[in-house]
Amino acid sequence: MTDWLTGCPAPAKLNTFLHVVGRREDGYHLLQSHFRLIDWSDTLDFARRDDGLIRRTHELPGVPESADLTLRAARLLQERLGTPYGVDLTLHKVLPAGAGLGGGSSDAATTLIALNRLWNGGLSRAQLMELGLQLGADVPFFLFGEDAFVEGIGERLTPYPGPERWFVVLWPGIHVPTAQVFASPRLTRNTPIGTIASLAATPLRNDLEPVVRALFPEVDAALEWLARHAGMARMSGSGSCVFAEFAEPSEAERIAAQVPSGWQAKVARTLHRHPLHDWL
């Protein structure tokens, strides 16, 4: 059994569309979306401990330990396995938080995958996805490990591969609180439910986008700029990142080079599968 795992990637996702189709009695919103993995990632290092302690090796600005999904994931798996092991966990944070990229959820999923291996847990993908749902609605997708048609609150996943694409992902430098967006009275919550086949022939959108544009002028400006220069622009998740899609990397690089100072632009490529897919 190895004592450490280093450089474990936690890739971002983009929502090529996001429809809010209802709301459960417990307040959770019902969604339909297409999630795509991209090659922009945080990375994590794990060093096994024999004393059962779970620690992070450094503080994360704005993220107290009580809100750190990686620590919560590690403790949840430790309890599920009944293992005597602990871990020193190091998160190398690259993805912006509150940006609609699923960064925190991806970090939690990578933690579950890596510690299942480091602690010799032996849990299956389905078992880890069940655990992951306790941490957040997006976590099961990253454990699923491939592009998916996502339904329910995020727990119903159907493989939905798309063609290889490049994206200009633009971060306007702000964080959007997801809860504030879903609580807005402006939010459309009754988009008709579709099937994969019917959605392929339907104009797609992100139902959260009008709400975020009204609340956060920085996102509105980023969408306007990208649509003007790239011909299309869409927001991922609940924002704040926006993106444009390209068939060729050269065109994506050309647009990214023009992004105004103060905004961060990343050219990202689709991933066929999660880099740790074969660990499960």
Protein backbone atom coordinates (compact mmCIF):
# COMPACT_ATOMS: atom_id res chain seq x y z
CA MET A 1 0.00 0.00 0.00
CA THR A 2 1.41 3.38 -0.99
CA ASP A 3 1.86 6.12 1.62
CA TRP A 4 1.08 9.09 -0.62
CA LEU A 5 -0.54 10.25 -3.83
CA THR A 6 0.54 13.52 -5.43
CA GLY A 7 -0.68 15.70 -8.26
CA CYS A 8 -4.19 14.25 -8.31
CA PRO A 9 -6.23 16.41 -10.73
CA ALA A 10 -9.66 17.85 -9.98
CA PRO A 11 -10.92 19.14 -13.35
CA ALA A 12 -13.54 21.81 -13.93
CA LYS A 13 -16.83 21.36 -15.74
CA LEU A 14 -18.88 23.55 -18.03
CA ASN A 15 -22.65 23.49 -18.45
CA THR A 16 -23.41 23.73 -22.16
CA PHE A 17 -26.98 24.41 -21.06
CA LEU A 18 -28.87 24.45 -17.76
CA HIS A 19 -32.67 24.29 -17.49
CA VAL A 20 -34.54 24.59 -14.20
CA VAL A 21 -37.56 22.31 -14.61
CA GLY A 22 -39.08 22.33 -11.12
CA ARG A 23 -38.55 22.46 -7.40
CA ARG A 24 -38.88 19.76 -4.75
CA GLU A 25 -40.77 20.23 -1.50
CA ASP A 26 -37.46 20.37 0.37
CA GLY A 27 -36.42 23.41 -1.69
CA TYR A 28 -33.93 21.69 -3.99
CA HIS A 29 -34.31 22.68 -7.63
CA LEU A 30 -34.73 20.08 -10.36
CA LEU A 31 -32.44 20.55 -13.32
CA GLN A 32 -31.58 19.29 -16.75
CA SER A 33 -28.11 20.06 -17.99
CA HIS A 34 -25.20 18.85 -20.06
CA PHE A 35 -21.95 18.76 -18.09
CA ARG A 36 -18.63 18.64 -19.94
CA LEU A 37 -15.25 18.05 -18.33
CA ILE A 38 -12.41 20.39 -19.34
CA ASP A 39 -8.66 20.27 -18.82
CA TRP A 40 -8.46 23.14 -16.30
CA SER A 41 -7.82 21.63 -12.89
CA ASP A 42 -6.96 22.04 -9.27
CA THR A 43 -4.53 19.40 -7.99
CA LEU A 44 -4.34 17.66 -4.62
CA ASP A 45 -1.67 15.78 -2.69
CA PHE A 46 -2.46 13.16 -0.06
CA ALA A 47 -0.08 11.72 2.56
CA ARG A 48 -1.50 8.84 4.59
CA ARG A 49 -1.39 9.11 8.37
CA ASP A 50 -1.56 6.15 10.73
CA ASP A 51 -3.05 8.11 13.66
CA GLY A 52 -6.47 8.76 12.11
CA LEU A 53 -6.08 12.55 11.95
CA ILE A 54 -7.38 14.40 8.89
CA ARG A 55 -5.58 17.68 8.34
CA ARG A 56 -5.02 20.19 5.58
CA THR A 57 -1.46 21.38 5.32
CA HIS A 58 -2.26 25.06 4.75
CA GLU A 59 -5.11 27.51 5.09
CA LEU A 60 -7.30 28.44 2.13
CA PRO A 61 -8.28 32.12 1.99
CA GLY A 62 -11.99 32.51 2.67
CA VAL A 63 -12.53 28.78 3.31
CA PRO A 64 -12.65 27.81 7.01
CA GLU A 65 -12.09 24.15 7.83
CA SER A 66 -15.80 23.73 8.59
CA ALA A 67 -16.65 24.68 4.99
CA ASP A 68 -13.81 22.78 3.29
CA LEU A 69 -15.42 20.08 1.11
CA THR A 70 -12.18 18.12 0.85
CA LEU A 71 -12.02 17.69 4.63
CA ARG A 72 -15.71 16.82 4.77
CA ALA A 73 -15.20 14.25 1.99
CA ALA A 74 -12.23 12.70 3.80
CA ARG A 75 -14.13 12.43 7.08
CA LEU A 76 -17.21 11.02 5.38
CA LEU A 77 -15.16 8.31 3.68
CA GLN A 78 -13.23 7.57 6.86
CA GLU A 79 -16.49 7.02 8.71
CA ARG A 80 -17.95 4.92 5.89
CA LEU A 81 -14.88 2.64 5.77
CA GLY A 82 -14.23 2.53 9.49
CA THR A 83 -10.56 2.90 8.64
CA PRO A 84 -7.88 3.76 11.24
CA TYR A 85 -6.03 5.87 8.67
CA GLY A 86 -5.99 9.63 8.35
CA VAL A 87 -4.43 12.00 5.83
CA ASP A 88 -2.49 15.20 5.36
CA LEU A 89 -4.22 16.91 2.46
CA THR A 90 -2.75 19.67 0.28
CA LEU A 91 -4.97 21.49 -2.19
CA HIS A 92 -3.27 23.47 -4.95
CA LYS A 93 -6.13 25.81 -5.84
CA VAL A 94 -6.23 27.11 -9.40
CA LEU A 95 -9.92 27.21 -10.28
CA PRO A 96 -11.78 30.32 -9.11
CA ALA A 97 -14.43 29.77 -6.44
CA GLY A 98 -18.04 30.79 -6.96
CA ALA A 99 -17.47 30.64 -10.70
CA GLY A 100 -19.82 27.89 -11.93
CA LEU A 101 -16.98 25.48 -12.69
CA GLY A 102 -17.71 23.00 -9.90
CA GLY A 103 -14.26 23.46 -8.40
CA GLY A 104 -15.13 22.63 -4.80
CA SER A 105 -17.24 19.65 -5.85
CA SER A 106 -14.45 18.38 -8.08
CA ASP A 107 -11.95 18.73 -5.23
CA ALA A 108 -14.27 16.66 -3.02
CA ALA A 109 -14.68 13.98 -5.71
CA THR A 110 -10.94 13.69 -6.24
CA THR A 111 -10.50 13.39 -2.48
CA LEU A 112 -12.97 10.47 -2.38
CA ILE A 113 -11.32 8.75 -5.36
CA ALA A 114 -7.78 9.21 -4.07
CA LEU A 115 -8.46 8.22 -0.45
CA ASN A 116 -10.47 5.19 -1.52
CA ARG A 117 -7.22 4.12 -3.20
CA LEU A 118 -4.79 5.35 -0.52
CA TRP A 119 -6.77 3.73 2.29
CA ASN A 120 -7.49 0.58 0.24
CA GLY A 121 -11.21 1.23 0.69
CA GLY A 122 -12.44 -0.86 -2.21
CA LEU A 123 -15.66 1.10 -2.74
CA SER A 124 -17.17 1.08 -6.22
CA ARG A 125 -17.93 4.13 -8.35
CA ALA A 126 -21.64 3.82 -7.50
CA GLN A 127 -20.89 3.66 -3.77
CA LEU A 128 -18.69 6.75 -3.94
CA MET A 129 -21.34 8.60 -5.95
CA GLU A 130 -23.85 7.86 -3.21
CA LEU A 131 -21.44 9.29 -0.64
CA GLY A 132 -20.66 12.24 -2.87
CA LEU A 133 -24.29 13.31 -3.09
CA GLN A 134 -24.17 13.96 0.66
CA LEU A 135 -21.51 16.59 -0.02
CA GLY A 136 -23.14 18.41 -2.92
CA ALA A 137 -25.27 17.97 -6.01
CA ASP A 138 -22.35 18.28 -8.47
CA VAL A 139 -20.03 15.80 -6.71
CA PRO A 140 -21.58 12.65 -8.26
CA PHE A 141 -20.85 13.95 -11.77
CA PHE A 142 -17.13 14.20 -11.11
CA LEU A 143 -17.17 10.66 -9.70
CA PHE A 144 -19.15 9.49 -12.75
CA GLY A 145 -16.15 10.75 -14.65
CA GLU A 146 -17.40 11.55 -18.15
CA ASP A 147 -19.61 14.02 -20.00
CA ALA A 148 -23.20 13.52 -18.92
CA PHE A 149 -26.81 14.52 -19.33
CA VAL A 150 -27.67 15.49 -15.76
CA GLU A 151 -31.14 15.42 -14.21
CA GLY A 152 -32.83 15.62 -10.82
CA ILE A 153 -30.74 17.63 -8.38
CA GLY A 154 -27.62 16.27 -10.08
CA GLU A 155 -27.81 12.60 -9.11
CA ARG A 156 -29.30 11.18 -12.35
CA LEU A 157 -26.53 10.86 -14.90
CA THR A 158 -26.57 9.49 -18.44
CA PRO A 159 -23.39 9.37 -20.57
CA TYR A 160 -23.64 12.14 -23.14
CA PRO A 161 -20.33 12.50 -25.01
CA GLY A 162 -19.79 15.52 -27.18
CA PRO A 163 -17.26 16.29 -29.90
CA GLU A 164 -13.80 17.55 -29.03
CA ARG A 165 -14.01 21.29 -28.52
CA TRP A 166 -11.96 24.17 -27.20
CA PHE A 167 -13.40 26.86 -24.97
CA VAL A 168 -12.44 30.35 -23.98
CA VAL A 169 -13.44 30.45 -20.31
CA LEU A 170 -13.58 33.97 -19.00
CA TRP A 171 -13.63 34.80 -15.29
CA PRO A 172 -14.64 38.41 -14.59
CA GLY A 173 -13.00 38.39 -11.17
CA ILE A 174 -16.05 38.01 -8.94
CA HIS A 175 -17.68 35.21 -6.97
CA VAL A 176 -21.39 34.48 -7.38
CA PRO A 177 -23.19 32.90 -4.38
CA THR A 178 -25.24 30.02 -5.82
CA ALA A 179 -27.86 30.20 -3.06
CA GLN A 180 -28.59 33.85 -3.86
CA VAL A 181 -29.24 33.00 -7.50
CA PHE A 182 -31.59 30.09 -6.78
CA ALA A 183 -33.49 32.18 -4.21
CA SER A 184 -34.25 34.96 -6.69
CA PRO A 185 -37.93 35.51 -7.54
CA ARG A 186 -36.76 36.28 -11.10
CA LEU A 187 -35.64 32.68 -11.65
CA THR A 188 -37.54 30.61 -14.22
CA ARG A 189 -38.44 27.32 -12.55
CA ASN A 190 -40.80 25.76 -15.09
CA THR A 191 -38.80 25.11 -18.26
CA PRO A 192 -40.41 22.10 -19.99
CA ILE A 193 -38.69 18.77 -19.35
CA GLY A 194 -36.95 17.40 -22.42
CA THR A 195 -35.24 14.21 -23.52
CA ILE A 196 -31.74 13.98 -24.92
CA ALA A 197 -33.23 13.60 -28.40
CA SER A 198 -35.65 16.51 -28.09
CA LEU A 199 -33.08 18.84 -26.55
CA ALA A 200 -30.76 18.24 -29.50
CA ALA A 201 -33.31 20.07 -31.65
CA THR A 202 -34.18 22.79 -29.12
CA PRO A 203 -32.56 26.20 -28.59
CA LEU A 204 -30.63 25.79 -25.35
CA ARG A 205 -29.91 28.31 -22.64
CA ASN A 206 -28.89 28.71 -19.03
CA ASP A 207 -31.99 29.62 -16.99
CA LEU A 208 -29.80 31.15 -14.28
CA GLU A 209 -28.13 33.60 -16.66
CA PRO A 210 -30.77 36.38 -16.67
CA VAL A 211 -30.82 36.42 -12.87
CA VAL A 212 -27.03 36.61 -12.59
CA ARG A 213 -26.80 39.29 -15.28
CA ALA A 214 -29.26 41.44 -13.35
CA LEU A 215 -27.51 40.95 -10.02
CA PHE A 216 -23.88 41.10 -11.17
CA PRO A 217 -23.04 43.67 -13.88
CA GLU A 218 -19.52 42.22 -14.19
CA VAL A 219 -20.98 38.97 -15.54
CA ASP A 220 -23.28 40.87 -17.86
CA ALA A 221 -20.30 42.79 -19.23
CA ALA A 222 -18.26 39.62 -19.72
CA LEU A 223 -21.10 37.94 -21.61
CA GLU A 224 -21.57 40.99 -23.83
CA TRP A 225 -17.86 41.22 -24.62
CA LEU A 226 -17.47 37.53 -25.39
CA ALA A 227 -20.61 37.39 -27.54
CA ARG A 228 -19.40 40.40 -29.51
CA HIS A 229 -15.95 38.94 -30.15
CA ALA A 230 -16.70 35.22 -30.40
CA GLY A 231 -20.22 35.20 -31.84
CA MET A 232 -21.68 33.36 -28.85
CA ALA A 233 -21.35 33.33 -25.08
CA ARG A 234 -22.98 31.41 -22.30
CA MET A 235 -22.63 31.29 -18.53
CA SER A 236 -21.57 28.08 -16.78
CA GLY A 237 -23.62 26.93 -13.80
CA SER A 238 -24.59 29.85 -11.59
CA GLY A 239 -21.60 31.89 -12.78
CA SER A 240 -19.49 33.87 -12.67
CA CYS A 241 -17.49 32.22 -15.48
CA VAL A 242 -18.72 32.58 -19.05
CA PHE A 243 -17.48 30.73 -22.09
CA ALA A 244 -17.48 30.47 -25.87
CA GLU A 245 -17.01 27.23 -27.81
CA PHE A 246 -14.69 26.64 -30.76
CA ALA A 247 -13.92 23.75 -33.10
CA GLU A 248 -10.26 24.80 -33.46
CA PRO A 249 -7.77 25.86 -30.77
CA SER A 250 -6.28 28.67 -32.90
CA GLU A 251 -9.53 30.61 -32.91
CA ALA A 252 -9.92 30.17 -29.15
CA GLU A 253 -6.37 31.40 -28.60
CA ARG A 254 -7.03 34.43 -30.81
CA ILE A 255 -10.09 35.47 -28.80
CA ALA A 256 -8.41 34.80 -25.43
CA ALA A 257 -5.52 37.07 -26.37
CA GLN A 258 -7.93 40.00 -26.75
CA VAL A 259 -9.58 39.72 -23.31
CA PRO A 260 -9.36 43.02 -21.41
CA SER A 261 -7.03 43.31 -18.44
CA GLY A 262 -8.72 42.59 -15.12
CA TRP A 263 -10.41 39.48 -16.48
CA GLN A 264 -8.83 36.03 -16.53
CA ALA A 265 -9.10 34.03 -19.75
CA LYS A 266 -8.30 30.34 -20.05
CA VAL A 267 -8.30 28.25 -23.22
CA ALA A 268 -9.49 24.79 -22.20
CA ARG A 269 -10.08 21.58 -24.11
CA THR A 270 -12.71 18.94 -23.49
CA LEU A 271 -11.70 15.80 -21.61
CA HIS A 272 -12.97 12.44 -22.82
CA ARG A 273 -12.88 11.14 -19.25
CA HIS A 274 -11.84 12.23 -15.78
CA PRO A 275 -8.06 11.75 -15.40
CA LEU A 276 -8.67 9.40 -12.43
CA HIS A 277 -11.50 7.48 -14.10
CA ASP A 278 -9.55 4.20 -14.14
CA TRP A 279 -8.92 4.35 -10.38
CA LEU A 280 -12.45 3.04 -9.85
